[in-house]
Structures are given as structure tokens and as C-alpha cells.
Amino acid sequence: SKGCSEIYYGAHADDSAGNAYPDCSPAFAEAMNEAVYQGS
């Protein structure tokens, strides 16, 4: 709605380690990127 082409999201490796925060993992980021890219 605001005319942006990118969303910056600050997940890092320590948060996803050991499945502590699974929505910070590379796999999650990759899947969400694909969903956002396709859905937009």
C-alpha cells in the first residue's frame, strides 16, 4: 500500500538455534519470502 518493494526483517542465527524461535530460521525466512513474492 505504501509503494515499498522490500521488507527488512532482523532475524539472526542465535535466535533460531536449537529451535528456540523457529520463525527466525533461514528455512522460515525463505518460505515467507516466496509466499510474499508470489502473493504480491
ModelCIF file with pLDDT and N, C-alpha, C, O atoms, coordinates in Angstrom:
data_MODEL
#
_entry.id   MODEL 
#
_entity.id                         1 
_entity.type                       polymer 
_entity.pdbx_number_of_molecules   1 
#
_entity_poly.entity_id                      1 
_entity_poly.type                           'polypeptide(L)' 
_entity_poly.nstd_linkage                   no 
_entity_poly.nstd_monomer                   no 
_entity_poly.pdbx_seq_one_letter_code       SKGCSEIYYGAHADDSAGNAYPDCSPAFAEAMNEAVYQGS 
_entity_poly.pdbx_seq_one_letter_code_can   SKGCSEIYYGAHADDSAGNAYPDCSPAFAEAMNEAVYQGS 
_entity_poly.pdbx_strand_id                 A 
#
loop_
_entity_poly_seq.entity_id 
_entity_poly_seq.num 
_entity_poly_seq.mon_id 
_entity_poly_seq.hetero 
1 1  SER n 
1 2  LYS n 
1 3  GLY n 
1 4  CYS n 
1 5  SER n 
1 6  GLU n 
1 7  ILE n 
1 8  TYR n 
1 9  TYR n 
1 10 GLY n 
1 11 ALA n 
1 12 HIS n 
1 13 ALA n 
1 14 ASP n 
1 15 ASP n 
1 16 SER n 
1 17 ALA n 
1 18 GLY n 
1 19 ASN n 
1 20 ALA n 
1 21 TYR n 
1 22 PRO n 
1 23 ASP n 
1 24 CYS n 
1 25 SER n 
1 26 PRO n 
1 27 ALA n 
1 28 PHE n 
1 29 ALA n 
1 30 GLU n 
1 31 ALA n 
1 32 MET n 
1 33 ASN n 
1 34 GLU n 
1 35 ALA n 
1 36 VAL n 
1 37 TYR n 
1 38 GLN n 
1 39 GLY n 
1 40 SER n 
#
_struct_asym.id          A 
_struct_asym.entity_id   1 
#
loop_
_ma_qa_metric.id 
_ma_qa_metric.mode 
_ma_qa_metric.name 
_ma_qa_metric.software_group_id 
_ma_qa_metric.type 
1 global pLDDT . pLDDT 
2 local  pLDDT . pLDDT 
#
_ma_qa_metric_global.metric_id      1 
_ma_qa_metric_global.metric_value   95.47 
_ma_qa_metric_global.model_id       1 
_ma_qa_metric_global.ordinal_id     1 
#
loop_
_ma_qa_metric_local.label_asym_id 
_ma_qa_metric_local.label_comp_id 
_ma_qa_metric_local.label_seq_id 
_ma_qa_metric_local.metric_id 
_ma_qa_metric_local.metric_value 
_ma_qa_metric_local.model_id 
_ma_qa_metric_local.ordinal_id 
A SER 1  2 97.00 1 1  
A LYS 2  2 98.00 1 2  
A GLY 3  2 98.00 1 3  
A CYS 4  2 98.00 1 4  
A SER 5  2 98.00 1 5  
A GLU 6  2 98.00 1 6  
A ILE 7  2 98.00 1 7  
A TYR 8  2 98.00 1 8  
A TYR 9  2 96.00 1 9  
A GLY 10 2 96.00 1 10 
A ALA 11 2 96.00 1 11 
A HIS 12 2 96.00 1 12 
A ALA 13 2 94.00 1 13 
A ASP 14 2 92.00 1 14 
A ASP 15 2 91.00 1 15 
A SER 16 2 90.00 1 16 
A ALA 17 2 87.00 1 17 
A GLY 18 2 86.00 1 18 
A ASN 19 2 89.00 1 19 
A ALA 20 2 89.00 1 20 
A TYR 21 2 93.00 1 21 
A PRO 22 2 94.00 1 22 
A ASP 23 2 95.00 1 23 
A CYS 24 2 95.00 1 24 
A SER 25 2 95.00 1 25 
A PRO 26 2 96.00 1 26 
A ALA 27 2 96.00 1 27 
A PHE 28 2 97.00 1 28 
A ALA 29 2 97.00 1 29 
A GLU 30 2 97.00 1 30 
A ALA 31 2 98.00 1 31 
A MET 32 2 98.00 1 32 
A ASN 33 2 98.00 1 33 
A GLU 34 2 98.00 1 34 
A ALA 35 2 98.00 1 35 
A VAL 36 2 98.00 1 36 
A TYR 37 2 98.00 1 37 
A GLN 38 2 98.00 1 38 
A GLY 39 2 97.00 1 39 
A SER 40 2 98.00 1 40 
#
loop_
_atom_site.group_PDB 
_atom_site.id 
_atom_site.type_symbol 
_atom_site.label_atom_id 
_atom_site.label_alt_id 
_atom_site.label_comp_id 
_atom_site.label_asym_id 
_atom_site.label_entity_id 
_atom_site.label_seq_id 
_atom_site.pdbx_PDB_ins_code 
_atom_site.Cartn_x 
_atom_site.Cartn_y 
_atom_site.Cartn_z 
_atom_site.occupancy 
_atom_site.B_iso_or_equiv 
_atom_site.pdbx_formal_charge 
_atom_site.auth_seq_id 
_atom_site.auth_comp_id 
_atom_site.auth_asym_id 
_atom_site.auth_atom_id 
_atom_site.pdbx_PDB_model_num 
ATOM 1   N N  . SER A 1 1  ? 0.821  -1.217  0.000  1.00 97.00 ? 1  SER A N  1 
ATOM 2   C CA . SER A 1 1  ? 0.000  0.000   0.000  1.00 97.00 ? 1  SER A CA 1 
ATOM 3   C C  . SER A 1 1  ? 0.854  1.266   0.000  1.00 97.00 ? 1  SER A C  1 
ATOM 4   O O  . SER A 1 1  ? 0.448  2.307   -0.518 1.00 97.00 ? 1  SER A O  1 
ATOM 5   N N  . LYS A 1 2  ? 2.057  1.156   0.598  1.00 98.00 ? 2  LYS A N  1 
ATOM 6   C CA . LYS A 1 2  ? 2.945  2.317   0.709  1.00 98.00 ? 2  LYS A CA 1 
ATOM 7   C C  . LYS A 1 2  ? 3.986  2.374   -0.412 1.00 98.00 ? 2  LYS A C  1 
ATOM 8   O O  . LYS A 1 2  ? 4.870  3.230   -0.387 1.00 98.00 ? 2  LYS A O  1 
ATOM 9   N N  . GLY A 1 3  ? 3.893  1.490   -1.373 1.00 98.00 ? 3  GLY A N  1 
ATOM 10  C CA . GLY A 1 3  ? 4.788  1.535   -2.516 1.00 98.00 ? 3  GLY A CA 1 
ATOM 11  C C  . GLY A 1 3  ? 6.181  0.990   -2.264 1.00 98.00 ? 3  GLY A C  1 
ATOM 12  O O  . GLY A 1 3  ? 7.128  1.360   -2.959 1.00 98.00 ? 3  GLY A O  1 
ATOM 13  N N  . CYS A 1 4  ? 6.318  0.112   -1.274 1.00 98.00 ? 4  CYS A N  1 
ATOM 14  C CA . CYS A 1 4  ? 7.625  -0.491  -0.968 1.00 98.00 ? 4  CYS A CA 1 
ATOM 15  C C  . CYS A 1 4  ? 7.857  -1.743  -1.810 1.00 98.00 ? 4  CYS A C  1 
ATOM 16  O O  . CYS A 1 4  ? 6.910  -2.422  -2.208 1.00 98.00 ? 4  CYS A O  1 
ATOM 17  N N  . SER A 1 5  ? 9.102  -2.033  -2.068 1.00 98.00 ? 5  SER A N  1 
ATOM 18  C CA . SER A 1 5  ? 9.443  -3.246  -2.817 1.00 98.00 ? 5  SER A CA 1 
ATOM 19  C C  . SER A 1 5  ? 10.195 -4.253  -1.954 1.00 98.00 ? 5  SER A C  1 
ATOM 20  O O  . SER A 1 5  ? 10.430 -5.382  -2.383 1.00 98.00 ? 5  SER A O  1 
ATOM 21  N N  . GLU A 1 6  ? 10.578 -3.850  -0.732 1.00 98.00 ? 6  GLU A N  1 
ATOM 22  C CA . GLU A 1 6  ? 11.311 -4.750  0.165  1.00 98.00 ? 6  GLU A CA 1 
ATOM 23  C C  . GLU A 1 6  ? 10.858 -4.571  1.604  1.00 98.00 ? 6  GLU A C  1 
ATOM 24  O O  . GLU A 1 6  ? 10.472 -3.480  2.024  1.00 98.00 ? 6  GLU A O  1 
ATOM 25  N N  . ILE A 1 7  ? 10.914 -5.665  2.346  1.00 98.00 ? 7  ILE A N  1 
ATOM 26  C CA . ILE A 1 7  ? 10.668 -5.656  3.788  1.00 98.00 ? 7  ILE A CA 1 
ATOM 27  C C  . ILE A 1 7  ? 11.919 -6.177  4.469  1.00 98.00 ? 7  ILE A C  1 
ATOM 28  O O  . ILE A 1 7  ? 12.359 -7.294  4.197  1.00 98.00 ? 7  ILE A O  1 
ATOM 29  N N  . TYR A 1 8  ? 12.485 -5.388  5.339  1.00 98.00 ? 8  TYR A N  1 
ATOM 30  C CA . TYR A 1 8  ? 13.656 -5.810  6.111  1.00 98.00 ? 8  TYR A CA 1 
ATOM 31  C C  . TYR A 1 8  ? 13.199 -6.442  7.422  1.00 98.00 ? 8  TYR A C  1 
ATOM 32  O O  . TYR A 1 8  ? 12.315 -5.930  8.108  1.00 98.00 ? 8  TYR A O  1 
ATOM 33  N N  . TYR A 1 9  ? 13.832 -7.575  7.748  1.00 96.00 ? 9  TYR A N  1 
ATOM 34  C CA . TYR A 1 9  ? 13.426 -8.380  8.903  1.00 96.00 ? 9  TYR A CA 1 
ATOM 35  C C  . TYR A 1 9  ? 14.703 -8.891  9.582  1.00 96.00 ? 9  TYR A C  1 
ATOM 36  O O  . TYR A 1 9  ? 15.520 -9.561  8.950  1.00 96.00 ? 9  TYR A O  1 
ATOM 37  N N  . GLY A 1 10 ? 14.871 -8.569  10.880 1.00 96.00 ? 10 GLY A N  1 
ATOM 38  C CA . GLY A 1 10 ? 16.158 -8.764  11.545 1.00 96.00 ? 10 GLY A CA 1 
ATOM 39  C C  . GLY A 1 10 ? 16.407 -10.079 12.249 1.00 96.00 ? 10 GLY A C  1 
ATOM 40  O O  . GLY A 1 10 ? 17.109 -10.106 13.260 1.00 96.00 ? 10 GLY A O  1 
ATOM 41  N N  . ALA A 1 11 ? 15.850 -11.179 11.745 1.00 96.00 ? 11 ALA A N  1 
ATOM 42  C CA . ALA A 1 11 ? 16.129 -12.486 12.348 1.00 96.00 ? 11 ALA A CA 1 
ATOM 43  C C  . ALA A 1 11 ? 17.616 -12.807 12.251 1.00 96.00 ? 11 ALA A C  1 
ATOM 44  O O  . ALA A 1 11 ? 18.267 -12.459 11.266 1.00 96.00 ? 11 ALA A O  1 
ATOM 45  N N  . HIS A 1 12 ? 18.155 -13.474 13.278 1.00 96.00 ? 12 HIS A N  1 
ATOM 46  C CA . HIS A 1 12 ? 19.564 -13.878 13.238 1.00 96.00 ? 12 HIS A CA 1 
ATOM 47  C C  . HIS A 1 12 ? 19.725 -15.309 13.727 1.00 96.00 ? 12 HIS A C  1 
ATOM 48  O O  . HIS A 1 12 ? 18.799 -15.892 14.292 1.00 96.00 ? 12 HIS A O  1 
ATOM 49  N N  . ALA A 1 13 ? 20.912 -15.870 13.502 1.00 94.00 ? 13 ALA A N  1 
ATOM 50  C CA . ALA A 1 13 ? 21.138 -17.305 13.705 1.00 94.00 ? 13 ALA A CA 1 
ATOM 51  C C  . ALA A 1 13 ? 21.005 -17.742 15.154 1.00 94.00 ? 13 ALA A C  1 
ATOM 52  O O  . ALA A 1 13 ? 20.556 -18.860 15.405 1.00 94.00 ? 13 ALA A O  1 
ATOM 53  N N  . ASP A 1 14 ? 21.375 -16.913 16.110 1.00 92.00 ? 14 ASP A N  1 
ATOM 54  C CA . ASP A 1 14 ? 21.296 -17.318 17.507 1.00 92.00 ? 14 ASP A CA 1 
ATOM 55  C C  . ASP A 1 14 ? 19.862 -17.566 17.949 1.00 92.00 ? 14 ASP A C  1 
ATOM 56  O O  . ASP A 1 14 ? 19.610 -18.463 18.754 1.00 92.00 ? 14 ASP A O  1 
ATOM 57  N N  . ASP A 1 15 ? 18.914 -16.781 17.432 1.00 91.00 ? 15 ASP A N  1 
ATOM 58  C CA . ASP A 1 15 ? 17.517 -16.949 17.832 1.00 91.00 ? 15 ASP A CA 1 
ATOM 59  C C  . ASP A 1 15 ? 16.915 -18.237 17.287 1.00 91.00 ? 15 ASP A C  1 
ATOM 60  O O  . ASP A 1 15 ? 16.051 -18.834 17.929 1.00 91.00 ? 15 ASP A O  1 
ATOM 61  N N  . SER A 1 16 ? 17.357 -18.668 16.121 1.00 90.00 ? 16 SER A N  1 
ATOM 62  C CA . SER A 1 16 ? 16.792 -19.890 15.536 1.00 90.00 ? 16 SER A CA 1 
ATOM 63  C C  . SER A 1 16 ? 17.509 -21.147 16.012 1.00 90.00 ? 16 SER A C  1 
ATOM 64  O O  . SER A 1 16 ? 17.019 -22.255 15.796 1.00 90.00 ? 16 SER A O  1 
ATOM 65  N N  . ALA A 1 17 ? 18.661 -20.991 16.658 1.00 87.00 ? 17 ALA A N  1 
ATOM 66  C CA . ALA A 1 17 ? 19.450 -22.148 17.094 1.00 87.00 ? 17 ALA A CA 1 
ATOM 67  C C  . ALA A 1 17 ? 18.663 -23.006 18.073 1.00 87.00 ? 17 ALA A C  1 
ATOM 68  O O  . ALA A 1 17 ? 18.034 -22.495 18.999 1.00 87.00 ? 17 ALA A O  1 
ATOM 69  N N  . GLY A 1 18 ? 18.705 -24.317 17.857 1.00 86.00 ? 18 GLY A N  1 
ATOM 70  C CA . GLY A 1 18 ? 18.029 -25.233 18.765 1.00 86.00 ? 18 GLY A CA 1 
ATOM 71  C C  . GLY A 1 18 ? 16.523 -25.163 18.705 1.00 86.00 ? 18 GLY A C  1 
ATOM 72  O O  . GLY A 1 18 ? 15.845 -25.700 19.581 1.00 86.00 ? 18 GLY A O  1 
ATOM 73  N N  . ASN A 1 19 ? 15.977 -24.506 17.679 1.00 89.00 ? 19 ASN A N  1 
ATOM 74  C CA . ASN A 1 19 ? 14.529 -24.346 17.516 1.00 89.00 ? 19 ASN A CA 1 
ATOM 75  C C  . ASN A 1 19 ? 13.920 -23.440 18.582 1.00 89.00 ? 19 ASN A C  1 
ATOM 76  O O  . ASN A 1 19 ? 12.721 -23.515 18.851 1.00 89.00 ? 19 ASN A O  1 
ATOM 77  N N  . ALA A 1 20 ? 14.746 -22.580 19.192 1.00 89.00 ? 20 ALA A N  1 
ATOM 78  C CA . ALA A 1 20 ? 14.242 -21.664 20.220 1.00 89.00 ? 20 ALA A CA 1 
ATOM 79  C C  . ALA A 1 20 ? 13.143 -20.784 19.650 1.00 89.00 ? 20 ALA A C  1 
ATOM 80  O O  . ALA A 1 20 ? 12.061 -20.671 20.226 1.00 89.00 ? 20 ALA A O  1 
ATOM 81  N N  . TYR A 1 21 ? 13.430 -20.164 18.515 1.00 93.00 ? 21 TYR A N  1 
ATOM 82  C CA . TYR A 1 21 ? 12.454 -19.339 17.806 1.00 93.00 ? 21 TYR A CA 1 
ATOM 83  C C  . TYR A 1 21 ? 12.421 -19.805 16.352 1.00 93.00 ? 21 TYR A C  1 
ATOM 84  O O  . TYR A 1 21 ? 13.170 -19.282 15.526 1.00 93.00 ? 21 TYR A O  1 
ATOM 85  N N  . PRO A 1 22 ? 11.574 -20.772 16.026 1.00 94.00 ? 22 PRO A N  1 
ATOM 86  C CA . PRO A 1 22 ? 11.580 -21.337 14.671 1.00 94.00 ? 22 PRO A CA 1 
ATOM 87  C C  . PRO A 1 22 ? 11.218 -20.331 13.587 1.00 94.00 ? 22 PRO A C  1 
ATOM 88  O O  . PRO A 1 22 ? 11.563 -20.534 12.423 1.00 94.00 ? 22 PRO A O  1 
ATOM 89  N N  . ASP A 1 23 ? 10.525 -19.241 13.949 1.00 95.00 ? 23 ASP A N  1 
ATOM 90  C CA . ASP A 1 23 ? 10.180 -18.232 12.945 1.00 95.00 ? 23 ASP A CA 1 
ATOM 91  C C  . ASP A 1 23 ? 11.293 -17.203 12.754 1.00 95.00 ? 23 ASP A C  1 
ATOM 92  O O  . ASP A 1 23 ? 11.065 -16.094 12.272 1.00 95.00 ? 23 ASP A O  1 
ATOM 93  N N  . CYS A 1 24 ? 12.509 -17.605 13.150 1.00 95.00 ? 24 CYS A N  1 
ATOM 94  C CA . CYS A 1 24 ? 13.712 -16.815 12.857 1.00 95.00 ? 24 CYS A CA 1 
ATOM 95  C C  . CYS A 1 24 ? 14.699 -17.607 12.004 1.00 95.00 ? 24 CYS A C  1 
ATOM 96  O O  . CYS A 1 24 ? 15.807 -17.139 11.741 1.00 95.00 ? 24 CYS A O  1 
ATOM 97  N N  . SER A 1 25 ? 14.310 -18.784 11.579 1.00 95.00 ? 25 SER A N  1 
ATOM 98  C CA . SER A 1 25 ? 15.233 -19.677 10.876 1.00 95.00 ? 25 SER A CA 1 
ATOM 99  C C  . SER A 1 25 ? 15.366 -19.314 9.400  1.00 95.00 ? 25 SER A C  1 
ATOM 100 O O  . SER A 1 25 ? 14.479 -18.671 8.839  1.00 95.00 ? 25 SER A O  1 
ATOM 101 N N  . PRO A 1 26 ? 16.466 -19.719 8.766  1.00 96.00 ? 26 PRO A N  1 
ATOM 102 C CA . PRO A 1 26 ? 16.625 -19.489 7.326  1.00 96.00 ? 26 PRO A CA 1 
ATOM 103 C C  . PRO A 1 26 ? 15.502 -20.139 6.519  1.00 96.00 ? 26 PRO A C  1 
ATOM 104 O O  . PRO A 1 26 ? 15.026 -19.558 5.544  1.00 96.00 ? 26 PRO A O  1 
ATOM 105 N N  . ALA A 1 27 ? 15.073 -21.345 6.919  1.00 96.00 ? 27 ALA A N  1 
ATOM 106 C CA . ALA A 1 27 ? 14.004 -22.036 6.186  1.00 96.00 ? 27 ALA A CA 1 
ATOM 107 C C  . ALA A 1 27 ? 12.703 -21.242 6.247  1.00 96.00 ? 27 ALA A C  1 
ATOM 108 O O  . ALA A 1 27 ? 11.995 -21.113 5.247  1.00 96.00 ? 27 ALA A O  1 
ATOM 109 N N  . PHE A 1 28 ? 12.395 -20.711 7.430  1.00 97.00 ? 28 PHE A N  1 
ATOM 110 C CA . PHE A 1 28 ? 11.186 -19.896 7.579  1.00 97.00 ? 28 PHE A CA 1 
ATOM 111 C C  . PHE A 1 28 ? 11.285 -18.632 6.730  1.00 97.00 ? 28 PHE A C  1 
ATOM 112 O O  . PHE A 1 28 ? 10.339 -18.281 6.024  1.00 97.00 ? 28 PHE A O  1 
ATOM 113 N N  . ALA A 1 29 ? 12.419 -17.954 6.795  1.00 97.00 ? 29 ALA A N  1 
ATOM 114 C CA . ALA A 1 29 ? 12.595 -16.717 6.030  1.00 97.00 ? 29 ALA A CA 1 
ATOM 115 C C  . ALA A 1 29 ? 12.465 -16.979 4.537  1.00 97.00 ? 29 ALA A C  1 
ATOM 116 O O  . ALA A 1 29 ? 11.857 -16.195 3.808  1.00 97.00 ? 29 ALA A O  1 
ATOM 117 N N  . GLU A 1 30 ? 13.038 -18.085 4.092  1.00 97.00 ? 30 GLU A N  1 
ATOM 118 C CA . GLU A 1 30 ? 12.964 -18.426 2.667  1.00 97.00 ? 30 GLU A CA 1 
ATOM 119 C C  . GLU A 1 30 ? 11.525 -18.707 2.244  1.00 97.00 ? 30 GLU A C  1 
ATOM 120 O O  . GLU A 1 30 ? 11.079 -18.263 1.186  1.00 97.00 ? 30 GLU A O  1 
ATOM 121 N N  . ALA A 1 31 ? 10.798 -19.457 3.092  1.00 98.00 ? 31 ALA A N  1 
ATOM 122 C CA . ALA A 1 31 ? 9.410  -19.786 2.773  1.00 98.00 ? 31 ALA A CA 1 
ATOM 123 C C  . ALA A 1 31 ? 8.526  -18.536 2.769  1.00 98.00 ? 31 ALA A C  1 
ATOM 124 O O  . ALA A 1 31 ? 7.683  -18.373 1.887  1.00 98.00 ? 31 ALA A O  1 
ATOM 125 N N  . MET A 1 32 ? 8.719  -17.656 3.753  1.00 98.00 ? 32 MET A N  1 
ATOM 126 C CA . MET A 1 32 ? 7.928  -16.435 3.812  1.00 98.00 ? 32 MET A CA 1 
ATOM 127 C C  . MET A 1 32 ? 8.263  -15.508 2.644  1.00 98.00 ? 32 MET A C  1 
ATOM 128 O O  . MET A 1 32 ? 7.380  -14.839 2.108  1.00 98.00 ? 32 MET A O  1 
ATOM 129 N N  . ASN A 1 33 ? 9.520  -15.468 2.256  1.00 98.00 ? 33 ASN A N  1 
ATOM 130 C CA . ASN A 1 33 ? 9.897  -14.647 1.115  1.00 98.00 ? 33 ASN A CA 1 
ATOM 131 C C  . ASN A 1 33 ? 9.192  -15.119 -0.148 1.00 98.00 ? 33 ASN A C  1 
ATOM 132 O O  . ASN A 1 33 ? 8.695  -14.311 -0.934 1.00 98.00 ? 33 ASN A O  1 
ATOM 133 N N  . GLU A 1 34 ? 9.153  -16.433 -0.335 1.00 98.00 ? 34 GLU A N  1 
ATOM 134 C CA . GLU A 1 34 ? 8.483  -16.975 -1.521 1.00 98.00 ? 34 GLU A CA 1 
ATOM 135 C C  . GLU A 1 34 ? 6.989  -16.670 -1.480 1.00 98.00 ? 34 GLU A C  1 
ATOM 136 O O  . GLU A 1 34 ? 6.398  -16.312 -2.499 1.00 98.00 ? 34 GLU A O  1 
ATOM 137 N N  . ALA A 1 35 ? 6.375  -16.811 -0.300 1.00 98.00 ? 35 ALA A N  1 
ATOM 138 C CA . ALA A 1 35 ? 4.945  -16.533 -0.164 1.00 98.00 ? 35 ALA A CA 1 
ATOM 139 C C  . ALA A 1 35 ? 4.643  -15.063 -0.442 1.00 98.00 ? 35 ALA A C  1 
ATOM 140 O O  . ALA A 1 35 ? 3.696  -14.740 -1.159 1.00 98.00 ? 35 ALA A O  1 
ATOM 141 N N  . VAL A 1 36 ? 5.456  -14.175 0.133  1.00 98.00 ? 36 VAL A N  1 
ATOM 142 C CA . VAL A 1 36 ? 5.256  -12.738 -0.071 1.00 98.00 ? 36 VAL A CA 1 
ATOM 143 C C  . VAL A 1 36 ? 5.481  -12.363 -1.539 1.00 98.00 ? 36 VAL A C  1 
ATOM 144 O O  . VAL A 1 36 ? 4.719  -11.584 -2.111 1.00 98.00 ? 36 VAL A O  1 
ATOM 145 N N  . TYR A 1 37 ? 6.517  -12.914 -2.132 1.00 98.00 ? 37 TYR A N  1 
ATOM 146 C CA . TYR A 1 37 ? 6.835  -12.607 -3.534 1.00 98.00 ? 37 TYR A CA 1 
ATOM 147 C C  . TYR A 1 37 ? 5.717  -13.068 -4.469 1.00 98.00 ? 37 TYR A C  1 
ATOM 148 O O  . TYR A 1 37 ? 5.282  -12.326 -5.349 1.00 98.00 ? 37 TYR A O  1 
ATOM 149 N N  . GLN A 1 38 ? 5.263  -14.301 -4.262 1.00 98.00 ? 38 GLN A N  1 
ATOM 150 C CA . GLN A 1 38 ? 4.181  -14.827 -5.093 1.00 98.00 ? 38 GLN A CA 1 
ATOM 151 C C  . GLN A 1 38 ? 2.872  -14.092 -4.820 1.00 98.00 ? 38 GLN A C  1 
ATOM 152 O O  . GLN A 1 38 ? 2.158  -13.705 -5.745 1.00 98.00 ? 38 GLN A O  1 
ATOM 153 N N  . GLY A 1 39 ? 2.569  -13.906 -3.530 1.00 97.00 ? 39 GLY A N  1 
ATOM 154 C CA . GLY A 1 39 ? 1.294  -13.301 -3.149 1.00 97.00 ? 39 GLY A CA 1 
ATOM 155 C C  . GLY A 1 39 ? 1.179  -11.834 -3.483 1.00 97.00 ? 39 GLY A C  1 
ATOM 156 O O  . GLY A 1 39 ? 0.076  -11.288 -3.517 1.00 97.00 ? 39 GLY A O  1 
ATOM 157 N N  . SER A 1 40 ? 2.318  -11.177 -3.732 1.00 98.00 ? 40 SER A N  1 
ATOM 158 C CA . SER A 1 40 ? 2.302  -9.756  -4.083 1.00 98.00 ? 40 SER A CA 1 
ATOM 159 C C  . SER A 1 40 ? 2.350  -9.549  -5.593 1.00 98.00 ? 40 SER A C  1 
ATOM 160 O O  . SER A 1 40 ? 2.344  -8.410  -6.060 1.00 98.00 ? 40 SER A O  1 
#
